[in-house]
Amino acid sequence: MVFSSNIFIFGFIPVFFSLYFLIPRSARNAFLLFTSVIFYAYGAGPVVIVLIGSIVFNYFTSLLLQKTEGYLKRFVFVIAVLINVGALA
């Protein structure tokens, strides 16, 4: 889906903003994540699996980084960055 397409301007944006402001504040981040994945899936198709894998990997890596300290923290961070750059390749 292209940002200047009719389906985005007259379909996706109105539905997104209507629902975004109707749902509770506590659910808005999850809604934003969900709609972002839908937007990406509409335009890129099966490649969205890589995006979802990256989201899950980064979430658990962030949890691990909160628990570690010192050199191990730096090592985990460098490995995570390399894996993310590798996913782009």
PDB file of N, CA and C in Angstrom:
ATOM      1  N   MET A   1       0.855  -1.165   0.000  1.00  0.00           N
ATOM      2  CA  MET A   1       0.000   0.000   0.000  1.00  0.00           C
ATOM      3  C   MET A   1       0.907   1.236   0.000  1.00  0.00           C
ATOM      4  N   VAL A   2       0.621   2.135  -0.891  1.00  0.00           N
ATOM      5  CA  VAL A   2       1.387   3.367  -1.021  1.00  0.00           C
ATOM      6  C   VAL A   2       0.661   4.467  -0.247  1.00  0.00           C
ATOM      7  N   PHE A   3       1.411   5.367   0.362  1.00  0.00           N
ATOM      8  CA  PHE A   3       0.813   6.435   1.161  1.00  0.00           C
ATOM      9  C   PHE A   3      -0.103   7.342   0.345  1.00  0.00           C
ATOM     10  N   SER A   4       0.122   7.437  -0.944  1.00  0.00           N
ATOM     11  CA  SER A   4      -0.706   8.306  -1.773  1.00  0.00           C
ATOM     12  C   SER A   4      -1.834   7.561  -2.489  1.00  0.00           C
ATOM     13  N   SER A   5      -2.008   6.276  -2.204  1.00  0.00           N
ATOM     14  CA  SER A   5      -3.074   5.515  -2.865  1.00  0.00           C
ATOM     15  C   SER A   5      -4.432   5.856  -2.254  1.00  0.00           C
ATOM     16  N   ASN A   6      -5.461   5.684  -3.056  1.00  0.00           N
ATOM     17  CA  ASN A   6      -6.819   5.976  -2.595  1.00  0.00           C
ATOM     18  C   ASN A   6      -7.241   5.086  -1.437  1.00  0.00           C
ATOM     19  N   ILE A   7      -6.852   3.821  -1.482  1.00  0.00           N
ATOM     20  CA  ILE A   7      -7.241   2.913  -0.409  1.00  0.00           C
ATOM     21  C   ILE A   7      -6.604   3.324   0.925  1.00  0.00           C
ATOM     22  N   PHE A   8      -5.399   3.877   0.876  1.00  0.00           N
ATOM     23  CA  PHE A   8      -4.753   4.344   2.101  1.00  0.00           C
ATOM     24  C   PHE A   8      -5.404   5.628   2.599  1.00  0.00           C
ATOM     25  N   ILE A   9      -5.598   6.587   1.703  1.00  0.00           N
ATOM     26  CA  ILE A   9      -6.114   7.903   2.100  1.00  0.00           C
ATOM     27  C   ILE A   9      -7.577   7.828   2.530  1.00  0.00           C
ATOM     28  N   PHE A  10      -8.401   7.104   1.769  1.00  0.00           N
ATOM     29  CA  PHE A  10      -9.829   7.090   2.046  1.00  0.00           C
ATOM     30  C   PHE A  10     -10.306   5.850   2.798  1.00  0.00           C
ATOM     31  N   GLY A  11      -9.438   4.883   2.978  1.00  0.00           N
ATOM     32  CA  GLY A  11      -9.832   3.667   3.691  1.00  0.00           C
ATOM     33  C   GLY A  11      -9.069   3.457   4.984  1.00  0.00           C
ATOM     34  N   PHE A  12      -7.759   3.326   4.853  1.00  0.00           N
ATOM     35  CA  PHE A  12      -6.941   2.974   6.009  1.00  0.00           C
ATOM     36  C   PHE A  12      -6.881   4.096   7.041  1.00  0.00           C
ATOM     37  N   ILE A  13      -6.588   5.308   6.617  1.00  0.00           N
ATOM     38  CA  ILE A  13      -6.429   6.432   7.559  1.00  0.00           C
ATOM     39  C   ILE A  13      -7.715   6.719   8.335  1.00  0.00           C
ATOM     40  N   PRO A  14      -8.881   6.852   7.676  1.00  0.00           N
ATOM     41  CA  PRO A  14     -10.093   7.127   8.462  1.00  0.00           C
ATOM     42  C   PRO A  14     -10.445   6.024   9.460  1.00  0.00           C
ATOM     43  N   VAL A  15     -10.303   4.774   9.031  1.00  0.00           N
ATOM     44  CA  VAL A  15     -10.596   3.667   9.940  1.00  0.00           C
ATOM     45  C   VAL A  15      -9.606   3.650  11.089  1.00  0.00           C
ATOM     46  N   PHE A  16      -8.328   3.844  10.773  1.00  0.00           N
ATOM     47  CA  PHE A  16      -7.298   3.830  11.810  1.00  0.00           C
ATOM     48  C   PHE A  16      -7.555   4.894  12.864  1.00  0.00           C
ATOM     49  N   PHE A  17      -7.726   6.154  12.443  1.00  0.00           N
ATOM     50  CA  PHE A  17      -7.897   7.231  13.414  1.00  0.00           C
ATOM     51  C   PHE A  17      -9.220   7.132  14.162  1.00  0.00           C
ATOM     52  N   SER A  18     -10.266   6.654  13.498  1.00  0.00           N
ATOM     53  CA  SER A  18     -11.547   6.470  14.186  1.00  0.00           C
ATOM     54  C   SER A  18     -11.401   5.473  15.334  1.00  0.00           C
ATOM     55  N   LEU A  19     -10.765   4.353  15.041  1.00  0.00           N
ATOM     56  CA  LEU A  19     -10.592   3.336  16.079  1.00  0.00           C
ATOM     57  C   LEU A  19      -9.554   3.753  17.122  1.00  0.00           C
ATOM     58  N   TYR A  20      -8.503   4.425  16.684  1.00  0.00           N
ATOM     59  CA  TYR A  20      -7.431   4.806  17.603  1.00  0.00           C
ATOM     60  C   TYR A  20      -7.953   5.692  18.728  1.00  0.00           C
ATOM     61  N   PHE A  21      -8.801   6.641  18.408  1.00  0.00           N
ATOM     62  CA  PHE A  21      -9.295   7.554  19.429  1.00  0.00           C
ATOM     63  C   PHE A  21     -10.496   7.000  20.195  1.00  0.00           C
ATOM     64  N   LEU A  22     -11.052   5.879  19.743  1.00  0.00           N
ATOM     65  CA  LEU A  22     -12.156   5.256  20.466  1.00  0.00           C
ATOM     66  C   LEU A  22     -11.692   4.228  21.498  1.00  0.00           C
ATOM     67  N   ILE A  23     -10.530   3.637  21.283  1.00  0.00           N
ATOM     68  CA  ILE A  23     -10.058   2.613  22.216  1.00  0.00           C
ATOM     69  C   ILE A  23      -9.387   3.262  23.423  1.00  0.00           C
ATOM     70  N   PRO A  24      -9.307   2.549  24.531  1.00  0.00           N
ATOM     71  CA  PRO A  24      -8.649   3.114  25.723  1.00  0.00           C
ATOM     72  C   PRO A  24      -7.167   3.384  25.486  1.00  0.00           C
ATOM     73  N   ARG A  25      -6.643   4.339  26.222  1.00  0.00           N
ATOM     74  CA  ARG A  25      -5.226   4.707  26.067  1.00  0.00           C
ATOM     75  C   ARG A  25      -4.284   3.530  26.301  1.00  0.00           C
ATOM     76  N   SER A  26      -4.653   2.650  27.201  1.00  0.00           N
ATOM     77  CA  SER A  26      -3.776   1.526  27.521  1.00  0.00           C
ATOM     78  C   SER A  26      -3.638   0.538  26.364  1.00  0.00           C
ATOM     79  N   ALA A  27      -4.566   0.534  25.438  1.00  0.00           N
ATOM     80  CA  ALA A  27      -4.527  -0.402  24.311  1.00  0.00           C
ATOM     81  C   ALA A  27      -4.013   0.234  23.029  1.00  0.00           C
ATOM     82  N   ARG A  28      -3.677   1.503  23.063  1.00  0.00           N
ATOM     83  CA  ARG A  28      -3.295   2.191  21.826  1.00  0.00           C
ATOM     84  C   ARG A  28      -1.973   1.703  21.242  1.00  0.00           C
ATOM     85  N   ASN A  29      -1.002   1.398  22.084  1.00  0.00           N
ATOM     86  CA  ASN A  29       0.276   0.908  21.550  1.00  0.00           C
ATOM     87  C   ASN A  29       0.110  -0.432  20.852  1.00  0.00           C
ATOM     88  N   ALA A  30      -0.664  -1.323  21.458  1.00  0.00           N
ATOM     89  CA  ALA A  30      -0.918  -2.628  20.831  1.00  0.00           C
ATOM     90  C   ALA A  30      -1.678  -2.451  19.523  1.00  0.00           C
ATOM     91  N   PHE A  31      -2.642  -1.544  19.508  1.00  0.00           N
ATOM     92  CA  PHE A  31      -3.403  -1.267  18.283  1.00  0.00           C
ATOM     93  C   PHE A  31      -2.487  -0.707  17.197  1.00  0.00           C
ATOM     94  N   LEU A  32      -1.605   0.183  17.577  1.00  0.00           N
ATOM     95  CA  LEU A  32      -0.660   0.756  16.618  1.00  0.00           C
ATOM     96  C   LEU A  32       0.250  -0.311  16.040  1.00  0.00           C
ATOM     97  N   LEU A  33       0.735  -1.212  16.876  1.00  0.00           N
ATOM     98  CA  LEU A  33       1.568  -2.313  16.404  1.00  0.00           C
ATOM     99  C   LEU A  33       0.788  -3.211  15.443  1.00  0.00           C
ATOM    100  N   PHE A  34      -0.427  -3.562  15.822  1.00  0.00           N
ATOM    101  CA  PHE A  34      -1.257  -4.439  14.999  1.00  0.00           C
ATOM    102  C   PHE A  34      -1.567  -3.820  13.636  1.00  0.00           C
ATOM    103  N   THR A  35      -1.968  -2.554  13.627  1.00  0.00           N
ATOM    104  CA  THR A  35      -2.293  -1.911  12.357  1.00  0.00           C
ATOM    105  C   THR A  35      -1.048  -1.682  11.498  1.00  0.00           C
ATOM    106  N   SER A  36       0.089  -1.467  12.130  1.00  0.00           N
ATOM    107  CA  SER A  36       1.328  -1.320  11.367  1.00  0.00           C
ATOM    108  C   SER A  36       1.682  -2.618  10.651  1.00  0.00           C
ATOM    109  N   VAL A  37       1.509  -3.733  11.333  1.00  0.00           N
ATOM    110  CA  VAL A  37       1.789  -5.029  10.708  1.00  0.00           C
ATOM    111  C   VAL A  37       0.803  -5.288   9.573  1.00  0.00           C
ATOM    112  N   ILE A  38      -0.457  -4.936   9.762  1.00  0.00           N
ATOM    113  CA  ILE A  38      -1.454  -5.102   8.689  1.00  0.00           C
ATOM    114  C   ILE A  38      -1.089  -4.242   7.479  1.00  0.00           C
ATOM    115  N   PHE A  39      -0.696  -2.998   7.740  1.00  0.00           N
ATOM    116  CA  PHE A  39      -0.290  -2.106   6.652  1.00  0.00           C
ATOM    117  C   PHE A  39       0.894  -2.692   5.886  1.00  0.00           C
ATOM    118  N   TYR A  40       1.873  -3.184   6.615  1.00  0.00           N
ATOM    119  CA  TYR A  40       3.058  -3.760   5.987  1.00  0.00           C
ATOM    120  C   TYR A  40       2.694  -5.035   5.224  1.00  0.00           C
ATOM    121  N   ALA A  41       1.824  -5.861   5.797  1.00  0.00           N
ATOM    122  CA  ALA A  41       1.434  -7.109   5.137  1.00  0.00           C
ATOM    123  C   ALA A  41       0.671  -6.845   3.853  1.00  0.00           C
ATOM    124  N   TYR A  42      -0.126  -5.802   3.845  1.00  0.00           N
ATOM    125  CA  TYR A  42      -0.884  -5.464   2.641  1.00  0.00           C
ATOM    126  C   TYR A  42       0.045  -5.102   1.490  1.00  0.00           C
ATOM    127  N   GLY A  43       1.138  -4.422   1.791  1.00  0.00           N
ATOM    128  CA  GLY A  43       2.059  -3.997   0.750  1.00  0.00           C
ATOM    129  C   GLY A  43       3.157  -4.990   0.439  1.00  0.00           C
ATOM    130  N   ALA A  44       3.591  -5.767   1.437  1.00  0.00           N
ATOM    131  CA  ALA A  44       4.748  -6.630   1.234  1.00  0.00           C
ATOM    132  C   ALA A  44       4.415  -8.114   1.252  1.00  0.00           C
ATOM    133  N   GLY A  45       3.237  -8.471   1.690  1.00  0.00           N
ATOM    134  CA  GLY A  45       2.824  -9.867   1.666  1.00  0.00           C
ATOM    135  C   GLY A  45       3.573 -10.746   2.645  1.00  0.00           C
ATOM    136  N   PRO A  46       4.116 -11.870   2.160  1.00  0.00           N
ATOM    137  CA  PRO A  46       4.727 -12.854   3.056  1.00  0.00           C
ATOM    138  C   PRO A  46       5.993 -12.372   3.767  1.00  0.00           C
ATOM    139  N   VAL A  47       6.545 -11.274   3.327  1.00  0.00           N
ATOM    140  CA  VAL A  47       7.757 -10.751   3.973  1.00  0.00           C
ATOM    141  C   VAL A  47       7.443 -10.268   5.387  1.00  0.00           C
ATOM    142  N   VAL A  48       6.164 -10.129   5.693  1.00  0.00           N
ATOM    143  CA  VAL A  48       5.758  -9.683   7.025  1.00  0.00           C
ATOM    144  C   VAL A  48       6.208 -10.680   8.096  1.00  0.00           C
ATOM    145  N   ILE A  49       6.455 -11.910   7.722  1.00  0.00           N
ATOM    146  CA  ILE A  49       6.943 -12.912   8.674  1.00  0.00           C
ATOM    147  C   ILE A  49       8.301 -12.491   9.225  1.00  0.00           C
ATOM    148  N   VAL A  50       9.145 -11.927   8.383  1.00  0.00           N
ATOM    149  CA  VAL A  50      10.445 -11.425   8.843  1.00  0.00           C
ATOM    150  C   VAL A  50      10.242 -10.277   9.828  1.00  0.00           C
ATOM    151  N   LEU A  51       9.299  -9.404   9.541  1.00  0.00           N
ATOM    152  CA  LEU A  51       9.002  -8.289  10.435  1.00  0.00           C
ATOM    153  C   LEU A  51       8.514  -8.780  11.785  1.00  0.00           C
ATOM    154  N   ILE A  52       7.608  -9.726  11.795  1.00  0.00           N
ATOM    155  CA  ILE A  52       7.086 -10.261  13.055  1.00  0.00           C
ATOM    156  C   ILE A  52       8.195 -10.971  13.829  1.00  0.00           C
ATOM    157  N   GLY A  53       9.038 -11.717  13.133  1.00  0.00           N
ATOM    158  CA  GLY A  53      10.175 -12.354  13.790  1.00  0.00           C
ATOM    159  C   GLY A  53      11.114 -11.339  14.401  1.00  0.00           C
ATOM    160  N   SER A  54      11.344 -10.247  13.696  1.00  0.00           N
ATOM    161  CA  SER A  54      12.203  -9.188  14.210  1.00  0.00           C
ATOM    162  C   SER A  54      11.592  -8.523  15.441  1.00  0.00           C
ATOM    163  N   ILE A  55      10.287  -8.310  15.424  1.00  0.00           N
ATOM    164  CA  ILE A  55       9.606  -7.702  16.564  1.00  0.00           C
ATOM    165  C   ILE A  55       9.735  -8.596  17.794  1.00  0.00           C
ATOM    166  N   VAL A  56       9.476  -9.887  17.623  1.00  0.00           N
ATOM    167  CA  VAL A  56       9.559 -10.831  18.741  1.00  0.00           C
ATOM    168  C   VAL A  56      10.996 -10.921  19.255  1.00  0.00           C
ATOM    169  N   PHE A  57      11.954 -11.038  18.338  1.00  0.00           N
ATOM    170  CA  PHE A  57      13.358 -11.108  18.732  1.00  0.00           C
ATOM    171  C   PHE A  57      13.783  -9.862  19.501  1.00  0.00           C
ATOM    172  N   ASN A  58      13.429  -8.690  19.016  1.00  0.00           N
ATOM    173  CA  ASN A  58      13.819  -7.451  19.688  1.00  0.00           C
ATOM    174  C   ASN A  58      13.146  -7.290  21.042  1.00  0.00           C
ATOM    175  N   TYR A  59      11.920  -7.770  21.163  1.00  0.00           N
ATOM    176  CA  TYR A  59      11.225  -7.695  22.451  1.00  0.00           C
ATOM    177  C   TYR A  59      11.965  -8.529  23.502  1.00  0.00           C
ATOM    178  N   PHE A  60      12.265  -9.774  23.160  1.00  0.00           N
ATOM    179  CA  PHE A  60      12.941 -10.633  24.127  1.00  0.00           C
ATOM    180  C   PHE A  60      14.388 -10.205  24.370  1.00  0.00           C
ATOM    181  N   THR A  61      15.019  -9.641  23.356  1.00  0.00           N
ATOM    182  CA  THR A  61      16.370  -9.111  23.551  1.00  0.00           C
ATOM    183  C   THR A  61      16.346  -7.930  24.509  1.00  0.00           C
ATOM    184  N   SER A  62      15.336  -7.087  24.416  1.00  0.00           N
ATOM    185  CA  SER A  62      15.238  -5.948  25.339  1.00  0.00           C
ATOM    186  C   SER A  62      15.019  -6.423  26.765  1.00  0.00           C
ATOM    187  N   LEU A  63      14.243  -7.490  26.942  1.00  0.00           N
ATOM    188  CA  LEU A  63      14.070  -8.056  28.286  1.00  0.00           C
ATOM    189  C   LEU A  63      15.382  -8.600  28.827  1.00  0.00           C
ATOM    190  N   LEU A  64      16.150  -9.244  27.956  1.00  0.00           N
ATOM    191  CA  LEU A  64      17.454  -9.769  28.366  1.00  0.00           C
ATOM    192  C   LEU A  64      18.421  -8.642  28.705  1.00  0.00           C
ATOM    193  N   LEU A  65      18.391  -7.568  27.933  1.00  0.00           N
ATOM    194  CA  LEU A  65      19.280  -6.436  28.204  1.00  0.00           C
ATOM    195  C   LEU A  65      18.957  -5.761  29.532  1.00  0.00           C
ATOM    196  N   GLN A  66      17.714  -5.797  29.959  1.00  0.00           N
ATOM    197  CA  GLN A  66      17.353  -5.217  31.253  1.00  0.00           C
ATOM    198  C   GLN A  66      17.939  -6.010  32.409  1.00  0.00           C
ATOM    199  N   LYS A  67      18.131  -7.318  32.207  1.00  0.00           N
ATOM    200  CA  LYS A  67      18.609  -8.181  33.286  1.00  0.00           C
ATOM    201  C   LYS A  67      20.126  -8.279  33.354  1.00  0.00           C
ATOM    202  N   THR A  68      20.820  -7.998  32.259  1.00  0.00           N
ATOM    203  CA  THR A  68      22.272  -8.168  32.235  1.00  0.00           C
ATOM    204  C   THR A  68      22.980  -6.848  32.506  1.00  0.00           C
ATOM    205  N   GLU A  69      24.252  -6.965  32.885  1.00  0.00           N
ATOM    206  CA  GLU A  69      25.065  -5.780  33.163  1.00  0.00           C
ATOM    207  C   GLU A  69      26.476  -5.993  32.625  1.00  0.00           C
ATOM    208  N   GLY A  70      27.198  -4.905  32.519  1.00  0.00           N
ATOM    209  CA  GLY A  70      28.614  -4.948  32.156  1.00  0.00           C
ATOM    210  C   GLY A  70      28.867  -5.357  30.720  1.00  0.00           C
ATOM    211  N   TYR A  71      29.934  -6.164  30.569  1.00  0.00           N
ATOM    212  CA  TYR A  71      30.365  -6.573  29.232  1.00  0.00           C
ATOM    213  C   TYR A  71      29.356  -7.497  28.560  1.00  0.00           C
ATOM    214  N   LEU A  72      28.661  -8.298  29.363  1.00  0.00           N
ATOM    215  CA  LEU A  72      27.661  -9.190  28.787  1.00  0.00           C
ATOM    216  C   LEU A  72      26.529  -8.385  28.129  1.00  0.00           C
ATOM    217  N   LYS A  73      26.172  -7.283  28.739  1.00  0.00           N
ATOM    218  CA  LYS A  73      25.134  -6.421  28.181  1.00  0.00           C
ATOM    219  C   LYS A  73      25.574  -5.858  26.830  1.00  0.00           C
ATOM    220  N   ARG A  74      26.816  -5.414  26.763  1.00  0.00           N
ATOM    221  CA  ARG A  74      27.345  -4.884  25.504  1.00  0.00           C
ATOM    222  C   ARG A  74      27.411  -5.976  24.443  1.00  0.00           C
ATOM    223  N   PHE A  75      27.801  -7.189  24.845  1.00  0.00           N
ATOM    224  CA  PHE A  75      27.889  -8.315  23.917  1.00  0.00           C
ATOM    225  C   PHE A  75      26.502  -8.654  23.344  1.00  0.00           C
ATOM    226  N   VAL A  76      25.501  -8.732  24.220  1.00  0.00           N
ATOM    227  CA  VAL A  76      24.135  -9.032  23.772  1.00  0.00           C
ATOM    228  C   VAL A  76      23.643  -7.955  22.822  1.00  0.00           C
ATOM    229  N   PHE A  77      23.936  -6.704  23.146  1.00  0.00           N
ATOM    230  CA  PHE A  77      23.510  -5.598  22.289  1.00  0.00           C
ATOM    231  C   PHE A  77      24.148  -5.678  20.906  1.00  0.00           C
ATOM    232  N   VAL A  78      25.438  -5.933  20.849  1.00  0.00           N
ATOM    233  CA  VAL A  78      26.146  -6.021  19.560  1.00  0.00           C
ATOM    234  C   VAL A  78      25.602  -7.182  18.737  1.00  0.00           C
ATOM    235  N   ILE A  79      25.370  -8.323  19.383  1.00  0.00           N
ATOM    236  CA  ILE A  79      24.819  -9.478  18.668  1.00  0.00           C
ATOM    237  C   ILE A  79      23.426  -9.147  18.135  1.00  0.00           C
ATOM    238  N   ALA A  80      22.617  -8.479  18.940  1.00  0.00           N
ATOM    239  CA  ALA A  80      21.261  -8.117  18.502  1.00  0.00           C
ATOM    240  C   ALA A  80      21.303  -7.181  17.312  1.00  0.00           C
ATOM    241  N   VAL A  81      22.202  -6.196  17.341  1.00  0.00           N
ATOM    242  CA  VAL A  81      22.324  -5.272  16.199  1.00  0.00           C
ATOM    243  C   VAL A  81      22.768  -6.025  14.948  1.00  0.00           C
ATOM    244  N   LEU A  82      23.719  -6.930  15.099  1.00  0.00           N
ATOM    245  CA  LEU A  82      24.184  -7.705  13.944  1.00  0.00           C
ATOM    246  C   LEU A  82      23.072  -8.579  13.366  1.00  0.00           C
ATOM    247  N   ILE A  83      22.265  -9.173  14.222  1.00  0.00           N
ATOM    248  CA  ILE A  83      21.158 -10.002  13.746  1.00  0.00           C
ATOM    249  C   ILE A  83      20.129  -9.140  13.017  1.00  0.00           C
ATOM    250  N   ASN A  84      19.845  -7.953  13.549  1.00  0.00           N
ATOM    251  CA  ASN A  84      18.892  -7.069  12.885  1.00  0.00           C
ATOM    252  C   ASN A  84      19.423  -6.574  11.535  1.00  0.00           C
ATOM    253  N   VAL A  85      20.678  -6.249  11.468  1.00  0.00           N
ATOM    254  CA  VAL A  85      21.266  -5.826  10.190  1.00  0.00           C
ATOM    255  C   VAL A  85      21.280  -7.015   9.219  1.00  0.00           C
ATOM    256  N   GLY A  86      21.543  -8.204   9.730  1.00  0.00           N
ATOM    257  CA  GLY A  86      21.499  -9.402   8.900  1.00  0.00           C
ATOM    258  C   GLY A  86      20.109  -9.653   8.329  1.00  0.00           C
ATOM    259  N   ALA A  87      19.083  -9.358   9.112  1.00  0.00           N
ATOM    260  CA  ALA A  87      17.711  -9.538   8.624  1.00  0.00           C
ATOM    261  C   ALA A  87      17.409  -8.567   7.481  1.00  0.00           C
ATOM    262  N   LEU A  88      18.017  -7.403   7.519  1.00  0.00           N
ATOM    263  CA  LEU A  88      17.832  -6.453   6.430  1.00  0.00           C
ATOM    264  C   LEU A  88      18.498  -6.919   5.145  1.00  0.00           C
ATOM    265  N   ALA A  89      19.588  -7.625   5.310  1.00  0.00           N
ATOM    266  CA  ALA A  89      20.316  -8.131   4.135  1.00  0.00           C
ATOM    267  C   ALA A  89      19.534  -9.257   3.509  1.00  0.00           C
TER     268      ALA A  89
END
